[in-house]
Amino acid sequence: MRFFKCLLAAILLFMLLPCCALGEGADVSALVPMERTPESDGQVLDLYCGPTQGFYRHGGQTLDTGKPYVLFGQYDCWAMAAQGSADNFGPVGWVEAGSIADIPYQPQLGFEDGFAATVEETAQLTDNPLSDDPFAGWTLSLEPGTSIIVLAQVDGWLYVQAELEDAPVRAFIQADTVF
C-alpha cells in the first residue's frame, strides 16, 4: 500500500511540473513567422483554427495569398499562416498547404513539446494576439478548470488546443491565465 501512495505522489508531482514551468514562462516552442512574397495569382483561402476542416472556424476568416502574409510552418497537409508581416500579422490560422505555391517543407509543427494544463482564470480566446485589440470580435472564453493542451507561445501568449462548442479549437490565451 505504501508503494502505491508513493507512486501516486510521484505521478502527481510529475503532472504538476509543466504547470509550475508556466509561472516562469512556458517551456514550449515559440512560433516564428516567416514572411512570404505575395503571389501574383493570389487566392483567398479559408482560415481554420486548426489543421483540418473539422476545427472551429472563427468569423469566416480568410488568407489572401495575393497580399503579404507569413507562414509559421506546416503539419501534415496544412500550413499555419497569417495575413501581414513578421512584425505585424493578423488572425492566425490554418490553410490547406497544397493551395500555397512553393511552400517550404520546414518547419514541421508537430508541437512535440506541448503539454496538458488547466485554465486557472477565465481565459478569453483570440486568433489575433499581437493586435491593438486582440479580443475584437471574440466572445469565446475558457472557464477555470478547463483542460487544455499548450502547444506553443508568442510573447506573453500561449497557443492552446481545447474543445469548444463540440469542436476542437486552437487559439491564443494570455499566459497568466494558466499557472
C-alpha atoms as a PDB file:
ATOM      1  CA  MET A   1       0.000   0.000   0.000  1.00  0.00           C
ATOM      2  CA  ARG A   2       2.846   2.377   0.839  1.00  0.00           C
ATOM      3  CA  PHE A   3       4.355   1.723  -2.594  1.00  0.00           C
ATOM      4  CA  PHE A   4       1.118   2.836  -4.293  1.00  0.00           C
ATOM      5  CA  LYS A   5       0.915   6.011  -2.187  1.00  0.00           C
ATOM      6  CA  CYS A   6       4.493   6.907  -3.139  1.00  0.00           C
ATOM      7  CA  LEU A   7       3.775   6.100  -6.782  1.00  0.00           C
ATOM      8  CA  LEU A   8       0.641   8.263  -6.737  1.00  0.00           C
ATOM      9  CA  ALA A   9       2.564  11.147  -5.123  1.00  0.00           C
ATOM     10  CA  ALA A  10       5.309  10.843  -7.768  1.00  0.00           C
ATOM     11  CA  ILE A  11       2.743  10.859 -10.596  1.00  0.00           C
ATOM     12  CA  LEU A  12       1.009  13.932  -9.174  1.00  0.00           C
ATOM     13  CA  LEU A  13       4.330  15.747  -8.832  1.00  0.00           C
ATOM     14  CA  PHE A  14       5.246  14.833 -12.400  1.00  0.00           C
ATOM     15  CA  MET A  15       1.894  16.193 -13.641  1.00  0.00           C
ATOM     16  CA  LEU A  16       2.368  19.481 -11.775  1.00  0.00           C
ATOM     17  CA  LEU A  17       5.862  20.197 -13.119  1.00  0.00           C
ATOM     18  CA  PRO A  18       4.705  21.579 -16.502  1.00  0.00           C
ATOM     19  CA  CYS A  19       2.203  23.839 -14.742  1.00  0.00           C
ATOM     20  CA  CYS A  20       4.921  25.203 -12.457  1.00  0.00           C
ATOM     21  CA  ALA A  21       7.051  25.961 -15.507  1.00  0.00           C
ATOM     22  CA  LEU A  22       4.318  28.255 -16.811  1.00  0.00           C
ATOM     23  CA  GLY A  23       4.832  30.615 -13.888  1.00  0.00           C
ATOM     24  CA  GLU A  24       8.322  31.301 -15.221  1.00  0.00           C
ATOM     25  CA  GLY A  25       7.275  31.291 -18.876  1.00  0.00           C
ATOM     26  CA  ALA A  26       6.020  28.382 -20.909  1.00  0.00           C
ATOM     27  CA  ASP A  27       8.537  25.704 -21.765  1.00  0.00           C
ATOM     28  CA  VAL A  28       7.253  25.153 -25.290  1.00  0.00           C
ATOM     29  CA  SER A  29       8.436  26.242 -28.709  1.00  0.00           C
ATOM     30  CA  ALA A  30       7.968  29.805 -29.823  1.00  0.00           C
ATOM     31  CA  LEU A  31       6.099  30.373 -33.067  1.00  0.00           C
ATOM     32  CA  VAL A  32       8.319  32.163 -35.585  1.00  0.00           C
ATOM     33  CA  PRO A  33       6.673  33.872 -38.583  1.00  0.00           C
ATOM     34  CA  MET A  34       8.407  33.604 -41.977  1.00  0.00           C
ATOM     35  CA  GLU A  35       7.450  36.356 -44.436  1.00  0.00           C
ATOM     36  CA  ARG A  36       6.176  35.279 -47.836  1.00  0.00           C
ATOM     37  CA  THR A  37       6.090  37.258 -51.058  1.00  0.00           C
ATOM     38  CA  PRO A  38       2.544  37.839 -52.282  1.00  0.00           C
ATOM     39  CA  GLU A  39       1.627  35.600 -55.199  1.00  0.00           C
ATOM     40  CA  SER A  40       0.739  37.367 -58.455  1.00  0.00           C
ATOM     41  CA  ASP A  41      -2.146  34.959 -58.946  1.00  0.00           C
ATOM     42  CA  GLY A  42      -3.081  35.034 -55.265  1.00  0.00           C
ATOM     43  CA  GLN A  43      -6.191  33.355 -53.975  1.00  0.00           C
ATOM     44  CA  VAL A  44      -8.398  33.737 -50.921  1.00  0.00           C
ATOM     45  CA  LEU A  45      -8.196  30.656 -48.697  1.00  0.00           C
ATOM     46  CA  ASP A  46     -10.415  29.622 -45.795  1.00  0.00           C
ATOM     47  CA  LEU A  47      -8.582  30.030 -42.486  1.00  0.00           C
ATOM     48  CA  TYR A  48      -9.391  27.427 -39.811  1.00  0.00           C
ATOM     49  CA  CYS A  49      -8.399  27.387 -36.133  1.00  0.00           C
ATOM     50  CA  GLY A  50      -6.633  24.043 -36.572  1.00  0.00           C
ATOM     51  CA  PRO A  51      -5.188  21.715 -39.201  1.00  0.00           C
ATOM     52  CA  THR A  52      -8.431  20.173 -40.515  1.00  0.00           C
ATOM     53  CA  GLN A  53     -11.798  21.429 -41.671  1.00  0.00           C
ATOM     54  CA  GLY A  54     -13.248  19.849 -38.514  1.00  0.00           C
ATOM     55  CA  PHE A  55     -11.765  22.636 -36.380  1.00  0.00           C
ATOM     56  CA  TYR A  56     -13.793  25.621 -35.280  1.00  0.00           C
ATOM     57  CA  ARG A  57     -13.756  28.479 -37.792  1.00  0.00           C
ATOM     58  CA  HIS A  58     -13.996  31.959 -36.326  1.00  0.00           C
ATOM     59  CA  GLY A  59     -15.965  34.524 -38.278  1.00  0.00           C
ATOM     60  CA  GLY A  60     -15.231  33.182 -41.733  1.00  0.00           C
ATOM     61  CA  GLN A  61     -11.560  34.245 -41.541  1.00  0.00           C
ATOM     62  CA  THR A  62      -9.554  34.035 -44.779  1.00  0.00           C
ATOM     63  CA  LEU A  63      -5.981  34.416 -46.003  1.00  0.00           C
ATOM     64  CA  ASP A  64      -5.308  36.271 -49.274  1.00  0.00           C
ATOM     65  CA  THR A  65      -2.066  34.953 -50.790  1.00  0.00           C
ATOM     66  CA  GLY A  66      -2.042  37.932 -53.178  1.00  0.00           C
ATOM     67  CA  LYS A  67      -1.214  40.181 -50.205  1.00  0.00           C
ATOM     68  CA  PRO A  68       1.707  39.971 -47.737  1.00  0.00           C
ATOM     69  CA  TYR A  69       1.420  37.006 -45.378  1.00  0.00           C
ATOM     70  CA  VAL A  70       3.506  34.876 -43.039  1.00  0.00           C
ATOM     71  CA  LEU A  71       3.877  31.150 -42.509  1.00  0.00           C
ATOM     72  CA  PHE A  72       4.775  29.527 -39.205  1.00  0.00           C
ATOM     73  CA  GLY A  73       5.236  26.017 -40.574  1.00  0.00           C
ATOM     74  CA  GLN A  74       3.117  23.076 -41.517  1.00  0.00           C
ATOM     75  CA  TYR A  75       1.573  19.950 -40.108  1.00  0.00           C
ATOM     76  CA  ASP A  76       0.607  17.144 -42.444  1.00  0.00           C
ATOM     77  CA  CYS A  77      -1.058  18.850 -45.436  1.00  0.00           C
ATOM     78  CA  TRP A  78      -1.950  22.050 -43.545  1.00  0.00           C
ATOM     79  CA  ALA A  79       0.043  25.284 -43.120  1.00  0.00           C
ATOM     80  CA  MET A  80      -0.195  27.688 -40.180  1.00  0.00           C
ATOM     81  CA  ALA A  81      -0.417  31.221 -41.597  1.00  0.00           C
ATOM     82  CA  ALA A  82      -1.495  34.826 -41.018  1.00  0.00           C
ATOM     83  CA  GLN A  83      -2.000  37.924 -43.139  1.00  0.00           C
ATOM     84  CA  GLY A  84       0.666  40.634 -42.728  1.00  0.00           C
ATOM     85  CA  SER A  85       4.359  40.823 -41.906  1.00  0.00           C
ATOM     86  CA  ALA A  86       6.553  39.163 -39.273  1.00  0.00           C
ATOM     87  CA  ASP A  87       6.215  42.269 -37.055  1.00  0.00           C
ATOM     88  CA  ASN A  88       2.522  42.862 -37.593  1.00  0.00           C
ATOM     89  CA  PHE A  89       0.311  39.988 -38.611  1.00  0.00           C
ATOM     90  CA  GLY A  90      -3.416  39.469 -38.412  1.00  0.00           C
ATOM     91  CA  PRO A  91      -5.502  36.470 -37.394  1.00  0.00           C
ATOM     92  CA  VAL A  92      -3.505  33.217 -37.203  1.00  0.00           C
ATOM     93  CA  GLY A  93      -4.997  30.036 -38.585  1.00  0.00           C
ATOM     94  CA  TRP A  94      -4.533  27.040 -40.845  1.00  0.00           C
ATOM     95  CA  VAL A  95      -4.948  26.678 -44.615  1.00  0.00           C
ATOM     96  CA  GLU A  96      -4.534  23.707 -46.903  1.00  0.00           C
ATOM     97  CA  ALA A  97      -0.808  23.664 -47.718  1.00  0.00           C
ATOM     98  CA  GLY A  98      -1.389  22.495 -51.290  1.00  0.00           C
ATOM     99  CA  SER A  99      -3.086  25.834 -52.003  1.00  0.00           C
ATOM    100  CA  ILE A 100       0.151  27.781 -51.446  1.00  0.00           C
ATOM    101  CA  ALA A 101       2.736  27.824 -54.244  1.00  0.00           C
ATOM    102  CA  ASP A 102       6.299  26.815 -53.362  1.00  0.00           C
ATOM    103  CA  ILE A 103       5.518  26.259 -49.709  1.00  0.00           C
ATOM    104  CA  PRO A 104       8.655  25.443 -47.716  1.00  0.00           C
ATOM    105  CA  TYR A 105       8.564  21.996 -46.168  1.00  0.00           C
ATOM    106  CA  GLN A 106      10.101  23.195 -42.892  1.00  0.00           C
ATOM    107  CA  PRO A 107       9.428  23.758 -40.113  1.00  0.00           C
ATOM    108  CA  GLN A 108       7.136  20.899 -39.271  1.00  0.00           C
ATOM    109  CA  LEU A 109       4.720  21.832 -36.490  1.00  0.00           C
ATOM    110  CA  GLY A 110       4.148  18.646 -34.536  1.00  0.00           C
ATOM    111  CA  PHE A 111       4.131  20.515 -31.225  1.00  0.00           C
ATOM    112  CA  GLU A 112       6.020  17.599 -29.652  1.00  0.00           C
ATOM    113  CA  ASP A 113       6.869  19.682 -26.577  1.00  0.00           C
ATOM    114  CA  GLY A 114       3.223  20.561 -25.906  1.00  0.00           C
ATOM    115  CA  PHE A 115       1.727  19.550 -22.570  1.00  0.00           C
ATOM    116  CA  ALA A 116      -1.582  19.288 -20.760  1.00  0.00           C
ATOM    117  CA  ALA A 117      -2.557  22.091 -18.385  1.00  0.00           C
ATOM    118  CA  THR A 118      -5.632  23.552 -16.727  1.00  0.00           C
ATOM    119  CA  VAL A 119      -7.023  27.055 -17.094  1.00  0.00           C
ATOM    120  CA  GLU A 120      -6.922  28.754 -13.680  1.00  0.00           C
ATOM    121  CA  GLU A 121      -8.599  32.077 -14.571  1.00  0.00           C
ATOM    122  CA  THR A 122     -11.171  32.810 -17.257  1.00  0.00           C
ATOM    123  CA  ALA A 123      -9.157  32.908 -20.490  1.00  0.00           C
ATOM    124  CA  GLN A 124     -10.567  34.767 -23.461  1.00  0.00           C
ATOM    125  CA  LEU A 125      -9.636  33.265 -26.830  1.00  0.00           C
ATOM    126  CA  THR A 126      -8.179  35.119 -29.783  1.00  0.00           C
ATOM    127  CA  ASP A 127      -6.580  34.319 -33.125  1.00  0.00           C
ATOM    128  CA  ASN A 128      -5.005  37.773 -33.263  1.00  0.00           C
ATOM    129  CA  PRO A 129      -2.776  38.122 -30.180  1.00  0.00           C
ATOM    130  CA  LEU A 130      -0.492  40.917 -31.389  1.00  0.00           C
ATOM    131  CA  SER A 131      -3.160  43.419 -32.467  1.00  0.00           C
ATOM    132  CA  ASP A 132      -4.110  46.564 -30.544  1.00  0.00           C
ATOM    133  CA  ASP A 133      -7.441  44.916 -29.658  1.00  0.00           C
ATOM    134  CA  PRO A 134      -6.739  41.162 -29.644  1.00  0.00           C
ATOM    135  CA  PHE A 135     -10.224  40.216 -28.466  1.00  0.00           C
ATOM    136  CA  ALA A 136     -12.170  42.238 -31.060  1.00  0.00           C
ATOM    137  CA  GLY A 137     -14.972  40.060 -32.325  1.00  0.00           C
ATOM    138  CA  TRP A 138     -14.212  37.168 -29.973  1.00  0.00           C
ATOM    139  CA  THR A 139     -16.790  36.248 -27.359  1.00  0.00           C
ATOM    140  CA  LEU A 140     -15.455  32.787 -26.599  1.00  0.00           C
ATOM    141  CA  SER A 141     -13.553  32.024 -23.435  1.00  0.00           C
ATOM    142  CA  LEU A 142     -12.308  29.067 -21.435  1.00  0.00           C
ATOM    143  CA  GLU A 143     -13.575  28.810 -17.884  1.00  0.00           C
ATOM    144  CA  PRO A 144     -11.405  27.917 -14.876  1.00  0.00           C
ATOM    145  CA  GLY A 145     -10.874  24.175 -14.698  1.00  0.00           C
ATOM    146  CA  THR A 146     -10.926  23.691 -18.476  1.00  0.00           C
ATOM    147  CA  SER A 147      -8.333  21.198 -19.679  1.00  0.00           C
ATOM    148  CA  ILE A 148      -6.108  22.450 -22.488  1.00  0.00           C
ATOM    149  CA  ILE A 149      -3.015  21.408 -24.360  1.00  0.00           C
ATOM    150  CA  VAL A 150      -0.351  24.114 -24.508  1.00  0.00           C
ATOM    151  CA  LEU A 151       1.219  23.861 -27.971  1.00  0.00           C
ATOM    152  CA  ALA A 152       3.463  26.926 -28.388  1.00  0.00           C
ATOM    153  CA  GLN A 153       3.980  30.517 -27.322  1.00  0.00           C
ATOM    154  CA  VAL A 154       4.295  34.017 -28.774  1.00  0.00           C
ATOM    155  CA  ASP A 155       5.393  36.768 -26.389  1.00  0.00           C
ATOM    156  CA  GLY A 156       3.001  36.614 -23.395  1.00  0.00           C
ATOM    157  CA  TRP A 157       0.512  34.403 -25.226  1.00  0.00           C
ATOM    158  CA  LEU A 158       0.050  30.645 -25.253  1.00  0.00           C
ATOM    159  CA  TYR A 159      -1.176  28.828 -28.347  1.00  0.00           C
ATOM    160  CA  VAL A 160      -3.517  26.157 -26.993  1.00  0.00           C
ATOM    161  CA  GLN A 161      -5.975  23.497 -28.064  1.00  0.00           C
ATOM    162  CA  ALA A 162      -9.293  22.871 -26.311  1.00  0.00           C
ATOM    163  CA  GLU A 163     -12.816  21.661 -27.038  1.00  0.00           C
ATOM    164  CA  LEU A 164     -15.402  24.380 -27.587  1.00  0.00           C
ATOM    165  CA  GLU A 165     -18.923  24.195 -28.961  1.00  0.00           C
ATOM    166  CA  ASP A 166     -18.417  20.491 -29.747  1.00  0.00           C
ATOM    167  CA  ALA A 167     -15.430  21.249 -31.978  1.00  0.00           C
ATOM    168  CA  PRO A 168     -11.714  21.362 -31.340  1.00  0.00           C
ATOM    169  CA  VAL A 169     -10.293  24.872 -31.351  1.00  0.00           C
ATOM    170  CA  ARG A 170      -6.762  26.203 -31.416  1.00  0.00           C
ATOM    171  CA  ALA A 171      -6.322  29.795 -30.334  1.00  0.00           C
ATOM    172  CA  PHE A 172      -4.229  32.062 -28.147  1.00  0.00           C
ATOM    173  CA  ILE A 173      -4.830  32.857 -24.487  1.00  0.00           C
ATOM    174  CA  GLN A 174      -2.854  35.085 -22.152  1.00  0.00           C
ATOM    175  CA  ALA A 175      -0.162  33.064 -20.397  1.00  0.00           C
ATOM    176  CA  ASP A 176      -1.054  34.386 -16.957  1.00  0.00           C
ATOM    177  CA  THR A 177      -4.442  32.612 -17.070  1.00  0.00           C
ATOM    178  CA  VAL A 178      -2.638  29.269 -16.714  1.00  0.00           C
ATOM    179  CA  PHE A 179      -0.387  28.649 -13.708  1.00  0.00           C
END
